[in-house]
Amino acid sequence: MIRSFLFVPGDSQRKLEKSTSAGADALIVDLEDAVAAEARPAARALTRDFVASQSDVWVRINPVGSDDAAADLEAVMPAAPAGIVLPKPRSADDVKTLSAMIGEAEAKLGLEEGATKILPLVTETPQSLFALGDYAGCSDRLAAMSWGAEDLSAAVGATRSRDENGDFLAPYQFARSLCLFAAAAAEVPAIDTVFTDFRNAEGLAQYATEARRDGFSGMLAIHPAQVETINAAFQPTAEEIDRARRIVALFDANPGAGTIGMDGQMIDRPHLVQAKRILGLA
């Protein structure tokens, strides 16, 4: 289970090198928003070489249907990235299109079929919010689902997406919740979006803790200094792990039971699902 995805600009050799010591569970080399259009050809070559030298590296390409997306894939697929991050999908159809493009590249390059996964950022366009229920079963490559507020707020003409305390305003809380439920329906992890105030360590810790509380399995990061805090927030405590193991063991010992007593409480099947989720995070 991936707790932290760290974004790294694909056009900066220095930042790419620095990212490897940040402790992130996975890196996302960005060829979209972090790279100016005129710098993308050079960034693709730099990204390809970096991906080839590391493990657990994903690449955010440009939106499906753009010339840049095709060029991004052509450049990085020979390096066998762990996955592709898809920005601004309009619906699950964009995941299907991307999956087909990746499949063609895998076959051409002799890569393992299906090895390259997809992480879509599913709320970056207004249109996408009305199609989030379609991701279930759309592709075996779908590894997780995440969301974003900045592109969405720009699309609707909002002047800001957060209040003075840094909390998301109601429209973007709504998008966040939709992503969480859509990921659950698709039976993949939900990954919470970035916390942009990277100097606010206390605020990040609170946000990440609340994200795990709400059901997210991990979080995107925009700065190496955020990684340690995010990893800690999504790591279950020893007490939680012990309780989860006891719940699983009880149901294993009583396979036909729907409800079991433990520590003076009635434990049922939803508790078993939650226990297995905690062990997965652990």
C-alpha atoms as a PDB file:
ATOM      1  CA  MET A   1       0.000   0.000   0.000  1.00  0.00           C
ATOM      2  CA  ILE A   2       1.414   3.370  -1.012  1.00  0.00           C
ATOM      3  CA  ARG A   3       1.119   6.054   1.665  1.00  0.00           C
ATOM      4  CA  SER A   4       2.965   8.899  -0.052  1.00  0.00           C
ATOM      5  CA  PHE A   5       3.349   9.963  -3.677  1.00  0.00           C
ATOM      6  CA  LEU A   6       5.876  12.794  -4.082  1.00  0.00           C
ATOM      7  CA  PHE A   7       5.604  15.046  -7.149  1.00  0.00           C
ATOM      8  CA  VAL A   8       8.911  16.015  -8.771  1.00  0.00           C
ATOM      9  CA  PRO A   9       9.280  18.345 -11.804  1.00  0.00           C
ATOM     10  CA  GLY A  10      10.484  16.397 -14.807  1.00  0.00           C
ATOM     11  CA  ASP A  11      12.723  19.221 -16.011  1.00  0.00           C
ATOM     12  CA  SER A  12      14.962  19.539 -12.923  1.00  0.00           C
ATOM     13  CA  GLN A  13      17.923  17.197 -12.570  1.00  0.00           C
ATOM     14  CA  ARG A  14      18.648  18.582  -9.105  1.00  0.00           C
ATOM     15  CA  LYS A  15      15.136  17.982  -7.780  1.00  0.00           C
ATOM     16  CA  LEU A  16      14.963  14.537  -9.335  1.00  0.00           C
ATOM     17  CA  GLU A  17      18.178  13.525  -7.613  1.00  0.00           C
ATOM     18  CA  LYS A  18      17.049  15.026  -4.301  1.00  0.00           C
ATOM     19  CA  SER A  19      13.704  13.216  -4.433  1.00  0.00           C
ATOM     20  CA  THR A  20      15.288   9.782  -4.076  1.00  0.00           C
ATOM     21  CA  SER A  21      16.249  10.460  -0.459  1.00  0.00           C
ATOM     22  CA  ALA A  22      12.880  11.897   0.620  1.00  0.00           C
ATOM     23  CA  GLY A  23      11.498   8.577   1.843  1.00  0.00           C
ATOM     24  CA  ALA A  24       8.367   8.627  -0.323  1.00  0.00           C
ATOM     25  CA  ASP A  25       6.741   5.287  -1.087  1.00  0.00           C
ATOM     26  CA  ALA A  26       6.530   6.363  -4.732  1.00  0.00           C
ATOM     27  CA  LEU A  27       7.642   9.292  -6.872  1.00  0.00           C
ATOM     28  CA  ILE A  28       5.608  11.042  -9.568  1.00  0.00           C
ATOM     29  CA  VAL A  29       7.742  12.756 -12.184  1.00  0.00           C
ATOM     30  CA  ASP A  30       5.598  15.561 -13.573  1.00  0.00           C
ATOM     31  CA  LEU A  31       5.531  16.336 -17.296  1.00  0.00           C
ATOM     32  CA  GLU A  32       2.287  18.323 -17.107  1.00  0.00           C
ATOM     33  CA  ASP A  33       1.721  21.412 -14.931  1.00  0.00           C
ATOM     34  CA  ALA A  34       5.273  21.592 -13.554  1.00  0.00           C
ATOM     35  CA  VAL A  35       6.895  21.811 -16.997  1.00  0.00           C
ATOM     36  CA  ALA A  36       6.457  24.611 -19.553  1.00  0.00           C
ATOM     37  CA  ALA A  37       5.416  23.416 -23.003  1.00  0.00           C
ATOM     38  CA  GLU A  38       8.693  24.484 -24.639  1.00  0.00           C
ATOM     39  CA  ALA A  39      10.692  22.577 -21.998  1.00  0.00           C
ATOM     40  CA  ARG A  40       8.861  19.254 -22.389  1.00  0.00           C
ATOM     41  CA  PRO A  41      11.086  17.646 -25.061  1.00  0.00           C
ATOM     42  CA  ALA A  42      14.147  17.983 -22.843  1.00  0.00           C
ATOM     43  CA  ALA A  43      12.130  17.028 -19.753  1.00  0.00           C
ATOM     44  CA  ARG A  44      10.966  13.804 -21.419  1.00  0.00           C
ATOM     45  CA  ALA A  45      14.524  12.681 -22.043  1.00  0.00           C
ATOM     46  CA  LEU A  46      15.531  13.560 -18.472  1.00  0.00           C
ATOM     47  CA  THR A  47      12.473  11.763 -17.102  1.00  0.00           C
ATOM     48  CA  ARG A  48      13.116   8.637 -19.167  1.00  0.00           C
ATOM     49  CA  ASP A  49      16.665   8.341 -17.859  1.00  0.00           C
ATOM     50  CA  PHE A  50      15.560   8.932 -14.267  1.00  0.00           C
ATOM     51  CA  VAL A  51      12.724   6.387 -14.410  1.00  0.00           C
ATOM     52  CA  ALA A  52      15.093   3.791 -15.857  1.00  0.00           C
ATOM     53  CA  SER A  53      17.449   4.257 -12.910  1.00  0.00           C
ATOM     54  CA  GLN A  54      14.853   3.945 -10.118  1.00  0.00           C
ATOM     55  CA  SER A  55      11.983   1.791  -8.916  1.00  0.00           C
ATOM     56  CA  ASP A  56       8.456   2.819  -7.914  1.00  0.00           C
ATOM     57  CA  VAL A  57       8.476   5.855 -10.201  1.00  0.00           C
ATOM     58  CA  TRP A  58       5.272   7.071 -11.831  1.00  0.00           C
ATOM     59  CA  VAL A  59       4.960   9.733 -14.532  1.00  0.00           C
ATOM     60  CA  ARG A  60       2.228  12.341 -14.833  1.00  0.00           C
ATOM     61  CA  ILE A  61       1.655  12.808 -18.534  1.00  0.00           C
ATOM     62  CA  ASN A  62      -0.501  15.419 -20.236  1.00  0.00           C
ATOM     63  CA  PRO A  63      -4.246  14.835 -20.750  1.00  0.00           C
ATOM     64  CA  VAL A  64      -5.373  12.043 -23.046  1.00  0.00           C
ATOM     65  CA  GLY A  65      -6.125  13.300 -26.537  1.00  0.00           C
ATOM     66  CA  SER A  66      -3.309  15.844 -26.590  1.00  0.00           C
ATOM     67  CA  ASP A  67      -0.217  15.549 -28.768  1.00  0.00           C
ATOM     68  CA  ASP A  68       1.835  15.965 -25.612  1.00  0.00           C
ATOM     69  CA  ALA A  69       0.293  12.852 -24.040  1.00  0.00           C
ATOM     70  CA  ALA A  70       1.342  10.665 -26.945  1.00  0.00           C
ATOM     71  CA  ALA A  71       4.833  12.160 -26.931  1.00  0.00           C
ATOM     72  CA  ASP A  72       5.101  11.703 -23.162  1.00  0.00           C
ATOM     73  CA  LEU A  73       4.243   8.008 -23.391  1.00  0.00           C
ATOM     74  CA  GLU A  74       6.542   7.411 -26.338  1.00  0.00           C
ATOM     75  CA  ALA A  75       9.406   8.923 -24.371  1.00  0.00           C
ATOM     76  CA  VAL A  76       8.927   7.254 -20.980  1.00  0.00           C
ATOM     77  CA  MET A  77       7.498   3.804 -21.692  1.00  0.00           C
ATOM     78  CA  PRO A  78      10.904   2.342 -22.733  1.00  0.00           C
ATOM     79  CA  ALA A  79      12.002   3.005 -19.132  1.00  0.00           C
ATOM     80  CA  ALA A  80       9.113   0.883 -17.769  1.00  0.00           C
ATOM     81  CA  PRO A  81       7.547   3.268 -15.230  1.00  0.00           C
ATOM     82  CA  ALA A  82       5.554   1.739 -12.383  1.00  0.00           C
ATOM     83  CA  GLY A  83       2.530   3.691 -13.524  1.00  0.00           C
ATOM     84  CA  ILE A  84       1.074   6.675 -15.316  1.00  0.00           C
ATOM     85  CA  VAL A  85      -0.752   9.488 -13.527  1.00  0.00           C
ATOM     86  CA  LEU A  86      -3.574  10.769 -15.719  1.00  0.00           C
ATOM     87  CA  PRO A  87      -4.616  14.420 -15.270  1.00  0.00           C
ATOM     88  CA  LYS A  88      -7.981  15.885 -16.186  1.00  0.00           C
ATOM     89  CA  PRO A  89      -9.814  12.708 -17.247  1.00  0.00           C
ATOM     90  CA  ARG A  90     -13.320  13.491 -18.410  1.00  0.00           C
ATOM     91  CA  SER A  91     -14.556  10.017 -17.505  1.00  0.00           C
ATOM     92  CA  ALA A  92     -13.434   6.419 -17.222  1.00  0.00           C
ATOM     93  CA  ASP A  93     -13.298   6.361 -21.033  1.00  0.00           C
ATOM     94  CA  ASP A  94     -10.048   8.329 -20.820  1.00  0.00           C
ATOM     95  CA  VAL A  95      -8.614   5.602 -18.586  1.00  0.00           C
ATOM     96  CA  LYS A  96      -9.661   3.010 -21.146  1.00  0.00           C
ATOM     97  CA  THR A  97      -8.015   5.014 -23.922  1.00  0.00           C
ATOM     98  CA  LEU A  98      -4.828   5.422 -21.928  1.00  0.00           C
ATOM     99  CA  SER A  99      -4.834   1.733 -21.021  1.00  0.00           C
ATOM    100  CA  ALA A 100      -4.976   0.818 -24.706  1.00  0.00           C
ATOM    101  CA  MET A 101      -2.109   3.201 -25.499  1.00  0.00           C
ATOM    102  CA  ILE A 102      -0.012   1.703 -22.702  1.00  0.00           C
ATOM    103  CA  GLY A 103      -0.847  -1.801 -23.847  1.00  0.00           C
ATOM    104  CA  GLU A 104       0.372  -1.059 -27.351  1.00  0.00           C
ATOM    105  CA  ALA A 105       3.606   0.336 -25.945  1.00  0.00           C
ATOM    106  CA  GLU A 106       4.137  -2.667 -23.669  1.00  0.00           C
ATOM    107  CA  ALA A 107       3.663  -5.064 -26.569  1.00  0.00           C
ATOM    108  CA  LYS A 108       5.975  -3.079 -28.842  1.00  0.00           C
ATOM    109  CA  LEU A 109       8.711  -2.825 -26.206  1.00  0.00           C
ATOM    110  CA  GLY A 110       8.432  -6.359 -24.888  1.00  0.00           C
ATOM    111  CA  LEU A 111       7.327  -5.230 -21.422  1.00  0.00           C
ATOM    112  CA  GLU A 112       5.167  -7.351 -19.146  1.00  0.00           C
ATOM    113  CA  GLU A 113       1.532  -7.015 -20.180  1.00  0.00           C
ATOM    114  CA  GLY A 114      -0.471  -5.041 -17.633  1.00  0.00           C
ATOM    115  CA  ALA A 115       2.551  -4.079 -15.536  1.00  0.00           C
ATOM    116  CA  THR A 116       2.070  -0.333 -16.011  1.00  0.00           C
ATOM    117  CA  LYS A 117      -0.695   0.931 -13.711  1.00  0.00           C
ATOM    118  CA  ILE A 118      -2.869   4.050 -13.928  1.00  0.00           C
ATOM    119  CA  LEU A 119      -3.696   6.657 -11.260  1.00  0.00           C
ATOM    120  CA  PRO A 120      -6.284   9.166 -12.538  1.00  0.00           C
ATOM    121  CA  LEU A 121      -6.893  12.558 -10.910  1.00  0.00           C
ATOM    122  CA  VAL A 122     -10.628  12.236 -11.253  1.00  0.00           C
ATOM    123  CA  THR A 123     -12.085  15.636 -10.265  1.00  0.00           C
ATOM    124  CA  GLU A 124     -10.048  18.149 -12.237  1.00  0.00           C
ATOM    125  CA  THR A 125     -12.817  18.982 -14.720  1.00  0.00           C
ATOM    126  CA  PRO A 126     -16.478  19.794 -13.972  1.00  0.00           C
ATOM    127  CA  GLN A 127     -17.575  17.125 -16.457  1.00  0.00           C
ATOM    128  CA  SER A 128     -15.692  14.450 -14.572  1.00  0.00           C
ATOM    129  CA  LEU A 129     -17.776  14.830 -11.403  1.00  0.00           C
ATOM    130  CA  PHE A 130     -20.822  13.423 -13.167  1.00  0.00           C
ATOM    131  CA  ALA A 131     -19.037  10.243 -14.292  1.00  0.00           C
ATOM    132  CA  LEU A 132     -17.215   9.047 -11.194  1.00  0.00           C
ATOM    133  CA  GLY A 133     -19.390   5.970 -10.840  1.00  0.00           C
ATOM    134  CA  ASP A 134     -18.088   4.608 -14.146  1.00  0.00           C
ATOM    135  CA  TYR A 135     -14.545   3.817 -12.963  1.00  0.00           C
ATOM    136  CA  ALA A 136     -15.524   0.489 -11.388  1.00  0.00           C
ATOM    137  CA  GLY A 137     -14.256  -2.240 -13.688  1.00  0.00           C
ATOM    138  CA  CYS A 138     -12.992   0.175 -16.327  1.00  0.00           C
ATOM    139  CA  SER A 139      -9.457  -1.274 -16.469  1.00  0.00           C
ATOM    140  CA  ASP A 140      -7.301  -3.790 -14.663  1.00  0.00           C
ATOM    141  CA  ARG A 141      -4.601  -1.111 -14.701  1.00  0.00           C
ATOM    142  CA  LEU A 142      -6.589   1.163 -12.367  1.00  0.00           C
ATOM    143  CA  ALA A 143      -4.433   1.147  -9.227  1.00  0.00           C
ATOM    144  CA  ALA A 144      -5.960   3.999  -7.221  1.00  0.00           C
ATOM    145  CA  MET A 145      -7.920   7.233  -7.629  1.00  0.00           C
ATOM    146  CA  SER A 146      -7.001  10.727  -6.527  1.00  0.00           C
ATOM    147  CA  TRP A 147      -8.438  14.182  -6.932  1.00  0.00           C
ATOM    148  CA  GLY A 148      -7.492  17.825  -7.240  1.00  0.00           C
ATOM    149  CA  ALA A 149      -9.079  21.189  -6.552  1.00  0.00           C
ATOM    150  CA  GLU A 150      -6.913  23.745  -8.363  1.00  0.00           C
ATOM    151  CA  ASP A 151      -7.854  22.923 -11.946  1.00  0.00           C
ATOM    152  CA  LEU A 152     -11.469  22.422 -10.907  1.00  0.00           C
ATOM    153  CA  SER A 153     -11.695  25.793  -9.169  1.00  0.00           C
ATOM    154  CA  ALA A 154     -10.111  27.491 -12.180  1.00  0.00           C
ATOM    155  CA  ALA A 155     -12.597  25.795 -14.497  1.00  0.00           C
ATOM    156  CA  VAL A 156     -15.611  27.150 -12.598  1.00  0.00           C
ATOM    157  CA  GLY A 157     -14.134  30.634 -12.171  1.00  0.00           C
ATOM    158  CA  ALA A 158     -13.657  30.464  -8.401  1.00  0.00           C
ATOM    159  CA  THR A 159     -11.261  32.902  -6.775  1.00  0.00           C
ATOM    160  CA  ARG A 160     -10.098  30.349  -4.199  1.00  0.00           C
ATOM    161  CA  SER A 161     -10.660  26.742  -3.151  1.00  0.00           C
ATOM    162  CA  ARG A 162      -9.744  27.051   0.548  1.00  0.00           C
ATOM    163  CA  ASP A 163     -10.855  29.290   3.400  1.00  0.00           C
ATOM    164  CA  GLU A 164      -8.607  31.451   5.571  1.00  0.00           C
ATOM    165  CA  ASN A 165      -7.742  28.422   7.740  1.00  0.00           C
ATOM    166  CA  GLY A 166      -6.612  26.389   4.756  1.00  0.00           C
ATOM    167  CA  ASP A 167      -9.664  24.124   4.759  1.00  0.00           C
ATOM    168  CA  PHE A 168     -11.353  23.282   1.471  1.00  0.00           C
ATOM    169  CA  LEU A 169     -14.526  25.190   0.721  1.00  0.00           C
ATOM    170  CA  ALA A 170     -17.789  23.287   0.281  1.00  0.00           C
ATOM    171  CA  PRO A 171     -17.607  22.622  -3.504  1.00  0.00           C
ATOM    172  CA  TYR A 172     -14.186  21.030  -3.172  1.00  0.00           C
ATOM    173  CA  GLN A 173     -15.059  19.058  -0.048  1.00  0.00           C
ATOM    174  CA  PHE A 174     -17.843  17.646  -2.210  1.00  0.00           C
ATOM    175  CA  ALA A 175     -15.386  16.674  -4.957  1.00  0.00           C
ATOM    176  CA  ARG A 176     -13.101  15.073  -2.359  1.00  0.00           C
ATOM    177  CA  SER A 177     -15.967  12.985  -0.991  1.00  0.00           C
ATOM    178  CA  LEU A 178     -17.008  11.877  -4.461  1.00  0.00           C
ATOM    179  CA  CYS A 179     -13.474  10.681  -5.164  1.00  0.00           C
ATOM    180  CA  LEU A 180     -13.425   8.713  -1.904  1.00  0.00           C
ATOM    181  CA  PHE A 181     -16.716   6.978  -2.644  1.00  0.00           C
ATOM    182  CA  ALA A 182     -15.864   6.368  -6.305  1.00  0.00           C
ATOM    183  CA  ALA A 183     -12.601   4.691  -5.320  1.00  0.00           C
ATOM    184  CA  ALA A 184     -14.446   2.493  -2.831  1.00  0.00           C
ATOM    185  CA  ALA A 185     -16.953   1.538  -5.530  1.00  0.00           C
ATOM    186  CA  ALA A 186     -14.073   0.679  -7.870  1.00  0.00           C
ATOM    187  CA  GLU A 187     -12.368  -1.273  -5.056  1.00  0.00           C
ATOM    188  CA  VAL A 188      -9.111   0.665  -5.316  1.00  0.00           C
ATOM    189  CA  PRO A 189      -7.355   2.922  -2.779  1.00  0.00           C
ATOM    190  CA  ALA A 190      -8.314   6.592  -2.566  1.00  0.00           C
ATOM    191  CA  ILE A 191      -5.344   8.970  -2.445  1.00  0.00           C
ATOM    192  CA  ASP A 192      -5.950  12.429  -0.985  1.00  0.00           C
ATOM    193  CA  THR A 193      -4.723  15.527  -2.786  1.00  0.00           C
ATOM    194  CA  VAL A 194      -1.774  17.778  -1.996  1.00  0.00           C
ATOM    195  CA  PHE A 195      -1.514  20.112   0.990  1.00  0.00           C
ATOM    196  CA  THR A 196      -0.129  23.185  -0.718  1.00  0.00           C
ATOM    197  CA  ASP A 197       1.146  25.108   2.333  1.00  0.00           C
ATOM    198  CA  PHE A 198       4.320  23.030   2.552  1.00  0.00           C
ATOM    199  CA  ARG A 199       5.801  25.160   5.361  1.00  0.00           C
ATOM    200  CA  ASN A 200       2.837  24.438   7.650  1.00  0.00           C
ATOM    201  CA  ALA A 201       3.909  21.134   9.226  1.00  0.00           C
ATOM    202  CA  GLU A 202       1.193  21.225  11.891  1.00  0.00           C
ATOM    203  CA  GLY A 203      -1.528  21.841   9.340  1.00  0.00           C
ATOM    204  CA  LEU A 204      -0.234  19.028   7.149  1.00  0.00           C
ATOM    205  CA  ALA A 205      -0.205  16.586  10.061  1.00  0.00           C
ATOM    206  CA  GLN A 206      -3.807  17.439  10.898  1.00  0.00           C
ATOM    207  CA  TYR A 207      -4.924  17.193   7.261  1.00  0.00           C
ATOM    208  CA  ALA A 208      -3.198  13.840   6.711  1.00  0.00           C
ATOM    209  CA  THR A 209      -4.575  12.418   9.952  1.00  0.00           C
ATOM    210  CA  GLU A 210      -8.083  13.452   8.956  1.00  0.00           C
ATOM    211  CA  ALA A 211      -7.586  11.967   5.488  1.00  0.00           C
ATOM    212  CA  ARG A 212      -6.787   8.567   6.951  1.00  0.00           C
ATOM    213  CA  ARG A 213      -9.690   8.909   9.376  1.00  0.00           C
ATOM    214  CA  ASP A 214     -12.053   9.552   6.472  1.00  0.00           C
ATOM    215  CA  GLY A 215     -10.893   6.494   4.522  1.00  0.00           C
ATOM    216  CA  PHE A 216      -8.048   7.644   2.278  1.00  0.00           C
ATOM    217  CA  SER A 217      -5.122   5.236   2.010  1.00  0.00           C
ATOM    218  CA  GLY A 218      -2.425   7.773   1.162  1.00  0.00           C
ATOM    219  CA  MET A 219      -1.719  11.289   0.008  1.00  0.00           C
ATOM    220  CA  LEU A 220       0.051  13.293  -2.675  1.00  0.00           C
ATOM    221  CA  ALA A 221       2.994  15.486  -1.641  1.00  0.00           C
ATOM    222  CA  ILE A 222       4.543  18.504  -3.347  1.00  0.00           C
ATOM    223  CA  HIS A 223       7.673  18.888  -1.219  1.00  0.00           C
ATOM    224  CA  PRO A 224      10.156  16.360   0.224  1.00  0.00           C
ATOM    225  CA  ALA A 225       9.682  17.848   3.703  1.00  0.00           C
ATOM    226  CA  GLN A 226       6.062  16.622   3.691  1.00  0.00           C
ATOM    227  CA  VAL A 227       6.830  12.952   3.168  1.00  0.00           C
ATOM    228  CA  GLU A 228       7.762  11.937   6.711  1.00  0.00           C
ATOM    229  CA  THR A 229       4.615  13.512   8.153  1.00  0.00           C
ATOM    230  CA  ILE A 230       2.381  11.852   5.562  1.00  0.00           C
ATOM    231  CA  ASN A 231       3.964   8.437   6.053  1.00  0.00           C
ATOM    232  CA  ALA A 232       3.504   8.683   9.812  1.00  0.00           C
ATOM    233  CA  ALA A 233      -0.147   9.709   9.495  1.00  0.00           C
ATOM    234  CA  PHE A 234      -1.005   6.739   7.296  1.00  0.00           C
ATOM    235  CA  GLN A 235       0.896   4.181   9.364  1.00  0.00           C
ATOM    236  CA  PRO A 236      -1.449   2.388  11.818  1.00  0.00           C
ATOM    237  CA  THR A 237      -0.424   2.360  15.458  1.00  0.00           C
ATOM    238  CA  ALA A 238       0.728  -0.815  17.196  1.00  0.00           C
ATOM    239  CA  GLU A 239      -2.532  -0.838  19.159  1.00  0.00           C
ATOM    240  CA  GLU A 240      -4.605  -0.622  15.957  1.00  0.00           C
ATOM    241  CA  ILE A 241      -2.606  -3.407  14.329  1.00  0.00           C
ATOM    242  CA  ASP A 242      -2.968  -5.666  17.362  1.00  0.00           C
ATOM    243  CA  ARG A 243      -6.729  -5.131  17.513  1.00  0.00           C
ATOM    244  CA  ALA A 244      -7.066  -5.754  13.774  1.00  0.00           C
ATOM    245  CA  ARG A 245      -5.144  -9.023  14.025  1.00  0.00           C
ATOM    246  CA  ARG A 246      -7.348 -10.185  16.872  1.00  0.00           C
ATOM    247  CA  ILE A 247     -10.498  -9.417  14.875  1.00  0.00           C
ATOM    248  CA  VAL A 248      -9.244 -11.304  11.834  1.00  0.00           C
ATOM    249  CA  ALA A 249      -8.188 -14.247  14.014  1.00  0.00           C
ATOM    250  CA  LEU A 250     -11.626 -14.375  15.664  1.00  0.00           C
ATOM    251  CA  PHE A 251     -13.432 -14.577  12.342  1.00  0.00           C
ATOM    252  CA  ASP A 252     -10.927 -17.120  11.021  1.00  0.00           C
ATOM    253  CA  ALA A 253     -11.681 -19.283  14.065  1.00  0.00           C
ATOM    254  CA  ASN A 254     -15.451 -18.787  13.608  1.00  0.00           C
ATOM    255  CA  PRO A 255     -15.988 -18.785   9.816  1.00  0.00           C
ATOM    256  CA  GLY A 256     -19.769 -19.032   9.978  1.00  0.00           C
ATOM    257  CA  ALA A 257     -20.281 -16.254  12.507  1.00  0.00           C
ATOM    258  CA  GLY A 258     -21.813 -12.926  11.584  1.00  0.00           C
ATOM    259  CA  THR A 259     -21.246 -11.305  14.966  1.00  0.00           C
ATOM    260  CA  ILE A 260     -18.646 -12.095  17.641  1.00  0.00           C
ATOM    261  CA  GLY A 261     -18.059 -10.642  21.078  1.00  0.00           C
ATOM    262  CA  MET A 262     -14.630  -9.112  21.794  1.00  0.00           C
ATOM    263  CA  ASP A 263     -13.556  -6.882  24.680  1.00  0.00           C
ATOM    264  CA  GLY A 264     -17.160  -6.396  25.728  1.00  0.00           C
ATOM    265  CA  GLN A 265     -18.213  -5.216  22.264  1.00  0.00           C
ATOM    266  CA  MET A 266     -20.063  -6.892  19.408  1.00  0.00           C
ATOM    267  CA  ILE A 267     -17.844  -7.209  16.332  1.00  0.00           C
ATOM    268  CA  ASP A 268     -19.464  -7.842  12.958  1.00  0.00           C
ATOM    269  CA  ARG A 269     -18.446  -8.088   9.300  1.00  0.00           C
ATOM    270  CA  PRO A 270     -17.848  -4.346   8.719  1.00  0.00           C
ATOM    271  CA  HIS A 271     -15.313  -4.483  11.567  1.00  0.00           C
ATOM    272  CA  LEU A 272     -13.586  -7.362   9.758  1.00  0.00           C
ATOM    273  CA  VAL A 273     -13.364  -5.330   6.563  1.00  0.00           C
ATOM    274  CA  GLN A 274     -11.881  -2.405   8.490  1.00  0.00           C
ATOM    275  CA  ALA A 275      -9.421  -4.710  10.277  1.00  0.00           C
ATOM    276  CA  LYS A 276      -8.144  -6.133   6.996  1.00  0.00           C
ATOM    277  CA  ARG A 277      -7.763  -2.600   5.656  1.00  0.00           C
ATOM    278  CA  ILE A 278      -5.633  -1.618   8.669  1.00  0.00           C
ATOM    279  CA  LEU A 279      -3.423  -4.667   8.183  1.00  0.00           C
ATOM    280  CA  GLY A 280      -3.070  -3.739   4.538  1.00  0.00           C
ATOM    281  CA  LEU A 281      -1.858  -0.282   5.521  1.00  0.00           C
ATOM    282  CA  ALA A 282       0.518  -1.833   8.039  1.00  0.00           C
END
